[in-house]
PDB file of N, CA and C in Angstrom:
ATOM      1  N   MET A   1       9.840 132.371 124.390  1.00  0.00           N
ATOM      2  CA  MET A   1       8.565 132.745 123.788  1.00  0.00           C
ATOM      3  C   MET A   1       7.950 133.903 124.583  1.00  0.00           C
ATOM      4  N   GLN A   2       7.415 134.858 123.886  1.00  0.00           N
ATOM      5  CA  GLN A   2       6.818 136.041 124.501  1.00  0.00           C
ATOM      6  C   GLN A   2       5.491 135.689 125.167  1.00  0.00           C
ATOM      7  N   ASN A   3       5.219 136.305 126.310  1.00  0.00           N
ATOM      8  CA  ASN A   3       3.957 136.098 127.012  1.00  0.00           C
ATOM      9  C   ASN A   3       2.929 137.064 126.429  1.00  0.00           C
ATOM     10  N   TYR A   4       2.153 136.597 125.445  1.00  0.00           N
ATOM     11  CA  TYR A   4       1.198 137.460 124.753  1.00  0.00           C
ATOM     12  C   TYR A   4       0.050 137.913 125.649  1.00  0.00           C
ATOM     13  N   ALA A   5      -0.348 137.089 126.614  1.00  0.00           N
ATOM     14  CA  ALA A   5      -1.436 137.484 127.518  1.00  0.00           C
ATOM     15  C   ALA A   5      -1.028 138.715 128.321  1.00  0.00           C
ATOM     16  N   ALA A   6       0.181 138.708 128.845  1.00  0.00           N
ATOM     17  CA  ALA A   6       0.656 139.862 129.614  1.00  0.00           C
ATOM     18  C   ALA A   6       0.772 141.084 128.714  1.00  0.00           C
ATOM     19  N   THR A   7       1.232 140.895 127.495  1.00  0.00           N
ATOM     20  CA  THR A   7       1.375 142.008 126.563  1.00  0.00           C
ATOM     21  C   THR A   7       0.017 142.613 126.234  1.00  0.00           C
ATOM     22  N   LEU A   8      -0.970 141.777 125.954  1.00  0.00           N
ATOM     23  CA  LEU A   8      -2.316 142.262 125.653  1.00  0.00           C
ATOM     24  C   LEU A   8      -2.915 142.970 126.860  1.00  0.00           C
ATOM     25  N   LYS A   9      -2.761 142.380 128.034  1.00  0.00           N
ATOM     26  CA  LYS A   9      -3.291 142.994 129.258  1.00  0.00           C
ATOM     27  C   LYS A   9      -2.661 144.371 129.475  1.00  0.00           C
ATOM     28  N   ASP A  10      -1.371 144.455 129.343  1.00  0.00           N
ATOM     29  CA  ASP A  10      -0.678 145.735 129.545  1.00  0.00           C
ATOM     30  C   ASP A  10      -1.100 146.772 128.516  1.00  0.00           C
ATOM     31  N   ALA A  11      -1.242 146.337 127.257  1.00  0.00           N
ATOM     32  CA  ALA A  11      -1.656 147.268 126.203  1.00  0.00           C
ATOM     33  C   ALA A  11      -3.073 147.772 126.448  1.00  0.00           C
ATOM     34  N   LEU A  12      -3.961 146.877 126.854  1.00  0.00           N
ATOM     35  CA  LEU A  12      -5.347 147.257 127.130  1.00  0.00           C
ATOM     36  C   LEU A  12      -5.424 148.196 128.327  1.00  0.00           C
ATOM     37  N   LEU A  13      -4.691 147.884 129.373  1.00  0.00           N
ATOM     38  CA  LEU A  13      -4.656 148.740 130.560  1.00  0.00           C
ATOM     39  C   LEU A  13      -4.172 150.139 130.202  1.00  0.00           C
ATOM     40  N   PHE A  14      -3.109 150.230 129.403  1.00  0.00           N
ATOM     41  CA  PHE A  14      -2.597 151.538 129.022  1.00  0.00           C
ATOM     42  C   PHE A  14      -3.593 152.284 128.146  1.00  0.00           C
ATOM     43  N   ARG A  15      -4.227 151.575 127.212  1.00  0.00           N
ATOM     44  CA  ARG A  15      -5.175 152.203 126.281  1.00  0.00           C
ATOM     45  C   ARG A  15      -6.409 152.737 127.013  1.00  0.00           C
ATOM     46  N   GLU A  16      -6.913 151.972 127.952  1.00  0.00           N
ATOM     47  CA  GLU A  16      -8.155 152.340 128.636  1.00  0.00           C
ATOM     48  C   GLU A  16      -7.961 153.413 129.699  1.00  0.00           C
ATOM     49  N   SER A  17      -6.856 153.357 130.443  1.00  0.00           N
ATOM     50  CA  SER A  17      -6.729 154.271 131.587  1.00  0.00           C
ATOM     51  C   SER A  17      -5.325 154.810 131.815  1.00  0.00           C
ATOM     52  N   SER A  18      -4.433 154.577 130.895  1.00  0.00           N
ATOM     53  CA  SER A  18      -3.018 154.937 131.070  1.00  0.00           C
ATOM     54  C   SER A  18      -2.438 154.274 132.314  1.00  0.00           C
ATOM     55  N   GLY A  19      -3.006 153.127 132.683  1.00  0.00           N
ATOM     56  CA  GLY A  19      -2.517 152.374 133.837  1.00  0.00           C
ATOM     57  C   GLY A  19      -3.029 152.868 135.175  1.00  0.00           C
ATOM     58  N   ASP A  20      -4.003 153.755 135.163  1.00  0.00           N
ATOM     59  CA  ASP A  20      -4.535 154.363 136.392  1.00  0.00           C
ATOM     60  C   ASP A  20      -5.800 153.618 136.834  1.00  0.00           C
ATOM     61  N   TYR A  21      -5.669 152.765 137.847  1.00  0.00           N
ATOM     62  CA  TYR A  21      -6.799 151.966 138.326  1.00  0.00           C
ATOM     63  C   TYR A  21      -7.881 152.810 139.001  1.00  0.00           C
ATOM     64  N   SER A  22      -7.566 154.041 139.374  1.00  0.00           N
ATOM     65  CA  SER A  22      -8.573 154.903 140.015  1.00  0.00           C
ATOM     66  C   SER A  22      -9.336 155.757 139.001  1.00  0.00           C
ATOM     67  N   LYS A  23      -9.043 155.610 137.752  1.00  0.00           N
ATOM     68  CA  LYS A  23      -9.652 156.431 136.689  1.00  0.00           C
ATOM     69  C   LYS A  23     -11.148 156.137 136.540  1.00  0.00           C
ATOM     70  N   VAL A  24     -11.934 157.207 136.421  1.00  0.00           N
ATOM     71  CA  VAL A  24     -13.354 157.145 136.073  1.00  0.00           C
ATOM     72  C   VAL A  24     -13.535 158.135 134.935  1.00  0.00           C
ATOM     73  N   ASN A  25     -14.060 157.667 133.796  1.00  0.00           N
ATOM     74  CA  ASN A  25     -14.187 158.586 132.663  1.00  0.00           C
ATOM     75  C   ASN A  25     -15.477 159.407 132.751  1.00  0.00           C
ATOM     76  N   ASP A  26     -15.689 160.250 131.760  1.00  0.00           N
ATOM     77  CA  ASP A  26     -16.825 161.184 131.773  1.00  0.00           C
ATOM     78  C   ASP A  26     -18.190 160.510 131.762  1.00  0.00           C
ATOM     79  N   ILE A  27     -18.264 159.275 131.291  1.00  0.00           N
ATOM     80  CA  ILE A  27     -19.567 158.595 131.253  1.00  0.00           C
ATOM     81  C   ILE A  27     -19.676 157.485 132.282  1.00  0.00           C
ATOM     82  N   GLY A  28     -18.747 157.475 133.250  1.00  0.00           N
ATOM     83  CA  GLY A  28     -18.881 156.618 134.413  1.00  0.00           C
ATOM     84  C   GLY A  28     -18.206 155.263 134.362  1.00  0.00           C
ATOM     85  N   TYR A  29     -17.437 154.974 133.312  1.00  0.00           N
ATOM     86  CA  TYR A  29     -16.697 153.716 133.286  1.00  0.00           C
ATOM     87  C   TYR A  29     -15.518 153.840 134.244  1.00  0.00           C
ATOM     88  N   ALA A  30     -15.266 152.770 135.010  1.00  0.00           N
ATOM     89  CA  ALA A  30     -14.323 152.879 136.114  1.00  0.00           C
ATOM     90  C   ALA A  30     -13.220 151.831 136.072  1.00  0.00           C
ATOM     91  N   GLY A  31     -12.104 152.192 136.684  1.00  0.00           N
ATOM     92  CA  GLY A  31     -11.008 151.262 136.883  1.00  0.00           C
ATOM     93  C   GLY A  31     -10.008 151.252 135.750  1.00  0.00           C
ATOM     94  N   GLY A  32      -8.996 150.454 135.916  1.00  0.00           N
ATOM     95  CA  GLY A  32      -7.933 150.362 134.942  1.00  0.00           C
ATOM     96  C   GLY A  32      -8.409 149.920 133.574  1.00  0.00           C
ATOM     97  N   PHE A  33      -9.413 149.057 133.547  1.00  0.00           N
ATOM     98  CA  PHE A  33      -9.917 148.534 132.289  1.00  0.00           C
ATOM     99  C   PHE A  33     -11.248 149.153 131.887  1.00  0.00           C
ATOM    100  N   GLN A  34     -11.677 150.181 132.628  1.00  0.00           N
ATOM    101  CA  GLN A  34     -12.863 150.970 132.296  1.00  0.00           C
ATOM    102  C   GLN A  34     -14.119 150.114 132.127  1.00  0.00           C
ATOM    103  N   PHE A  35     -14.493 149.411 133.191  1.00  0.00           N
ATOM    104  CA  PHE A  35     -15.714 148.607 133.197  1.00  0.00           C
ATOM    105  C   PHE A  35     -16.912 149.463 133.545  1.00  0.00           C
ATOM    106  N   GLY A  36     -18.021 149.191 132.886  1.00  0.00           N
ATOM    107  CA  GLY A  36     -19.285 149.839 133.183  1.00  0.00           C
ATOM    108  C   GLY A  36     -20.155 148.926 134.036  1.00  0.00           C
ATOM    109  N   ALA A  37     -21.338 149.414 134.373  1.00  0.00           N
ATOM    110  CA  ALA A  37     -22.250 148.679 135.255  1.00  0.00           C
ATOM    111  C   ALA A  37     -22.627 147.314 134.694  1.00  0.00           C
ATOM    112  N   GLN A  38     -22.924 147.229 133.406  1.00  0.00           N
ATOM    113  CA  GLN A  38     -23.327 145.940 132.842  1.00  0.00           C
ATOM    114  C   GLN A  38     -22.222 144.903 132.952  1.00  0.00           C
ATOM    115  N   ALA A  39     -21.005 145.274 132.632  1.00  0.00           N
ATOM    116  CA  ALA A  39     -19.883 144.339 132.734  1.00  0.00           C
ATOM    117  C   ALA A  39     -19.649 143.923 134.181  1.00  0.00           C
ATOM    118  N   LEU A  40     -19.726 144.881 135.098  1.00  0.00           N
ATOM    119  CA  LEU A  40     -19.507 144.560 136.507  1.00  0.00           C
ATOM    120  C   LEU A  40     -20.614 143.673 137.067  1.00  0.00           C
ATOM    121  N   GLU A  41     -21.829 143.836 136.578  1.00  0.00           N
ATOM    122  CA  GLU A  41     -22.920 142.949 136.987  1.00  0.00           C
ATOM    123  C   GLU A  41     -22.685 141.543 136.424  1.00  0.00           C
ATOM    124  N   THR A  42     -22.278 141.460 135.178  1.00  0.00           N
ATOM    125  CA  THR A  42     -22.038 140.167 134.536  1.00  0.00           C
ATOM    126  C   THR A  42     -20.969 139.363 135.261  1.00  0.00           C
ATOM    127  N   ILE A  43     -19.929 140.021 135.734  1.00  0.00           N
ATOM    128  CA  ILE A  43     -18.849 139.292 136.404  1.00  0.00           C
ATOM    129  C   ILE A  43     -19.019 139.227 137.922  1.00  0.00           C
ATOM    130  N   GLY A  44     -20.179 139.696 138.416  1.00  0.00           N
ATOM    131  CA  GLY A  44     -20.527 139.472 139.814  1.00  0.00           C
ATOM    132  C   GLY A  44     -20.145 140.534 140.820  1.00  0.00           C
ATOM    133  N   TYR A  45     -19.687 141.682 140.365  1.00  0.00           N
ATOM    134  CA  TYR A  45     -19.331 142.750 141.312  1.00  0.00           C
ATOM    135  C   TYR A  45     -20.522 143.628 141.675  1.00  0.00           C
ATOM    136  N   LEU A  46     -21.492 143.746 140.763  1.00  0.00           N
ATOM    137  CA  LEU A  46     -22.733 144.470 141.048  1.00  0.00           C
ATOM    138  C   LEU A  46     -23.870 143.462 141.140  1.00  0.00           C
ATOM    139  N   LYS A  47     -24.832 143.757 141.993  1.00  0.00           N
ATOM    140  CA  LYS A  47     -25.988 142.886 142.168  1.00  0.00           C
ATOM    141  C   LYS A  47     -26.823 142.817 140.898  1.00  0.00           C
ATOM    142  N   LYS A  48     -27.447 141.672 140.675  1.00  0.00           N
ATOM    143  CA  LYS A  48     -28.302 141.463 139.512  1.00  0.00           C
ATOM    144  C   LYS A  48     -29.378 142.540 139.455  1.00  0.00           C
ATOM    145  N   GLY A  49     -29.565 143.112 138.287  1.00  0.00           N
ATOM    146  CA  GLY A  49     -30.580 144.126 138.071  1.00  0.00           C
ATOM    147  C   GLY A  49     -30.140 145.544 138.346  1.00  0.00           C
ATOM    148  N   SER A  50     -29.021 145.725 139.008  1.00  0.00           N
ATOM    149  CA  SER A  50     -28.598 147.082 139.368  1.00  0.00           C
ATOM    150  C   SER A  50     -28.074 147.869 138.172  1.00  0.00           C
ATOM    151  N   SER A  51     -27.633 147.190 137.119  1.00  0.00           N
ATOM    152  CA  SER A  51     -27.076 147.910 135.974  1.00  0.00           C
ATOM    153  C   SER A  51     -28.154 148.616 135.154  1.00  0.00           C
ATOM    154  N   GLY A  52     -29.431 148.350 135.457  1.00  0.00           N
ATOM    155  CA  GLY A  52     -30.519 149.040 134.767  1.00  0.00           C
ATOM    156  C   GLY A  52     -30.476 150.542 134.970  1.00  0.00           C
ATOM    157  N   ALA A  53     -29.822 150.980 136.017  1.00  0.00           N
ATOM    158  CA  ALA A  53     -29.672 152.405 136.304  1.00  0.00           C
ATOM    159  C   ALA A  53     -28.494 153.007 135.542  1.00  0.00           C
ATOM    160  N   GLY A  54     -27.832 152.211 134.716  1.00  0.00           N
ATOM    161  CA  GLY A  54     -26.665 152.691 133.994  1.00  0.00           C
ATOM    162  C   GLY A  54     -25.451 152.773 134.907  1.00  0.00           C
ATOM    163  N   ASN A  55     -24.446 153.479 134.460  1.00  0.00           N
ATOM    164  CA  ASN A  55     -23.204 153.560 135.228  1.00  0.00           C
ATOM    165  C   ASN A  55     -23.345 154.314 136.541  1.00  0.00           C
ATOM    166  N   SER A  56     -24.450 155.034 136.729  1.00  0.00           N
ATOM    167  CA  SER A  56     -24.671 155.687 138.023  1.00  0.00           C
ATOM    168  C   SER A  56     -24.857 154.634 139.126  1.00  0.00           C
ATOM    169  N   ALA A  57     -25.158 153.401 138.741  1.00  0.00           N
ATOM    170  CA  ALA A  57     -25.289 152.317 139.719  1.00  0.00           C
ATOM    171  C   ALA A  57     -23.990 152.096 140.485  1.00  0.00           C
ATOM    172  N   LEU A  58     -22.869 152.448 139.877  1.00  0.00           N
ATOM    173  CA  LEU A  58     -21.579 152.275 140.532  1.00  0.00           C
ATOM    174  C   LEU A  58     -21.426 153.192 141.738  1.00  0.00           C
ATOM    175  N   ASP A  59     -22.185 154.280 141.773  1.00  0.00           N
ATOM    176  CA  ASP A  59     -22.080 155.257 142.856  1.00  0.00           C
ATOM    177  C   ASP A  59     -22.790 154.835 144.137  1.00  0.00           C
ATOM    178  N   ASP A  60     -23.666 153.835 144.065  1.00  0.00           N
ATOM    179  CA  ASP A  60     -24.446 153.396 145.222  1.00  0.00           C
ATOM    180  C   ASP A  60     -23.821 152.138 145.826  1.00  0.00           C
ATOM    181  N   PRO A  61     -23.191 152.254 147.008  1.00  0.00           N
ATOM    182  CA  PRO A  61     -22.544 151.096 147.622  1.00  0.00           C
ATOM    183  C   PRO A  61     -23.486 149.905 147.844  1.00  0.00           C
ATOM    184  N   SER A  62     -24.786 150.151 147.941  1.00  0.00           N
ATOM    185  CA  SER A  62     -25.712 149.034 148.164  1.00  0.00           C
ATOM    186  C   SER A  62     -25.857 148.160 146.914  1.00  0.00           C
ATOM    187  N   ASN A  63     -25.383 148.631 145.763  1.00  0.00           N
ATOM    188  CA  ASN A  63     -25.437 147.836 144.534  1.00  0.00           C
ATOM    189  C   ASN A  63     -24.285 146.848 144.410  1.00  0.00           C
ATOM    190  N   TRP A  64     -23.250 147.026 145.189  1.00  0.00           N
ATOM    191  CA  TRP A  64     -22.071 146.173 145.088  1.00  0.00           C
ATOM    192  C   TRP A  64     -22.263 144.889 145.893  1.00  0.00           C
ATOM    193  N   THR A  65     -21.732 143.779 145.384  1.00  0.00           N
ATOM    194  CA  THR A  65     -21.908 142.476 146.038  1.00  0.00           C
ATOM    195  C   THR A  65     -20.879 142.191 147.124  1.00  0.00           C
ATOM    196  N   GLY A  66     -19.758 142.879 147.084  1.00  0.00           N
ATOM    197  CA  GLY A  66     -18.674 142.585 148.020  1.00  0.00           C
ATOM    198  C   GLY A  66     -17.693 141.556 147.488  1.00  0.00           C
ATOM    199  N   LYS A  67     -17.900 141.089 146.260  1.00  0.00           N
ATOM    200  CA  LYS A  67     -17.011 140.100 145.652  1.00  0.00           C
ATOM    201  C   LYS A  67     -15.575 140.599 145.689  1.00  0.00           C
ATOM    202  N   GLY A  68     -14.691 139.738 146.111  1.00  0.00           N
ATOM    203  CA  GLY A  68     -13.273 140.094 146.173  1.00  0.00           C
ATOM    204  C   GLY A  68     -12.971 141.216 147.142  1.00  0.00           C
ATOM    205  N   GLY A  69     -13.894 141.473 148.072  1.00  0.00           N
ATOM    206  CA  GLY A  69     -13.701 142.548 149.042  1.00  0.00           C
ATOM    207  C   GLY A  69     -14.017 143.931 148.495  1.00  0.00           C
ATOM    208  N   VAL A  70     -14.649 143.988 147.320  1.00  0.00           N
ATOM    209  CA  VAL A  70     -14.964 145.265 146.683  1.00  0.00           C
ATOM    210  C   VAL A  70     -16.419 145.623 146.962  1.00  0.00           C
ATOM    211  N   SER A  71     -16.634 146.711 147.695  1.00  0.00           N
ATOM    212  CA  SER A  71     -17.987 147.120 148.082  1.00  0.00           C
ATOM    213  C   SER A  71     -18.333 148.535 147.662  1.00  0.00           C
ATOM    214  N   SER A  72     -17.523 149.123 146.779  1.00  0.00           N
ATOM    215  CA  SER A  72     -17.807 150.482 146.298  1.00  0.00           C
ATOM    216  C   SER A  72     -16.969 150.761 145.046  1.00  0.00           C
ATOM    217  N   LYS A  73     -17.363 151.798 144.338  1.00  0.00           N
ATOM    218  CA  LYS A  73     -16.610 152.216 143.157  1.00  0.00           C
ATOM    219  C   LYS A  73     -15.189 152.580 143.535  1.00  0.00           C
ATOM    220  N   GLU A  74     -15.005 153.230 144.667  1.00  0.00           N
ATOM    221  CA  GLU A  74     -13.681 153.644 145.104  1.00  0.00           C
ATOM    222  C   GLU A  74     -12.780 152.427 145.366  1.00  0.00           C
ATOM    223  N   GLU A  75     -13.358 151.375 145.939  1.00  0.00           N
ATOM    224  CA  GLU A  75     -12.571 150.169 146.207  1.00  0.00           C
ATOM    225  C   GLU A  75     -12.251 149.419 144.920  1.00  0.00           C
ATOM    226  N   PHE A  76     -13.171 149.494 143.943  1.00  0.00           N
ATOM    227  CA  PHE A  76     -12.937 148.827 142.673  1.00  0.00           C
ATOM    228  C   PHE A  76     -11.739 149.446 141.975  1.00  0.00           C
TER     229      PHE A  76
END
């Protein structure tokens, strides 16, 4: 049986960033899956309330929570 989760993950990764985890697009979405500030706040990588500044919040290391050892956009 085919592993559909892996297939979907791979397809999404390729679609969003061509597999490049360091990619940041023109409007500030970052990473392999192109997450913005709101998504990163929801999943705990950005501090509560920091996404109000939009994706520019990703540029300020003080907005990052340190979850998973990630404390900056570059580390994400």
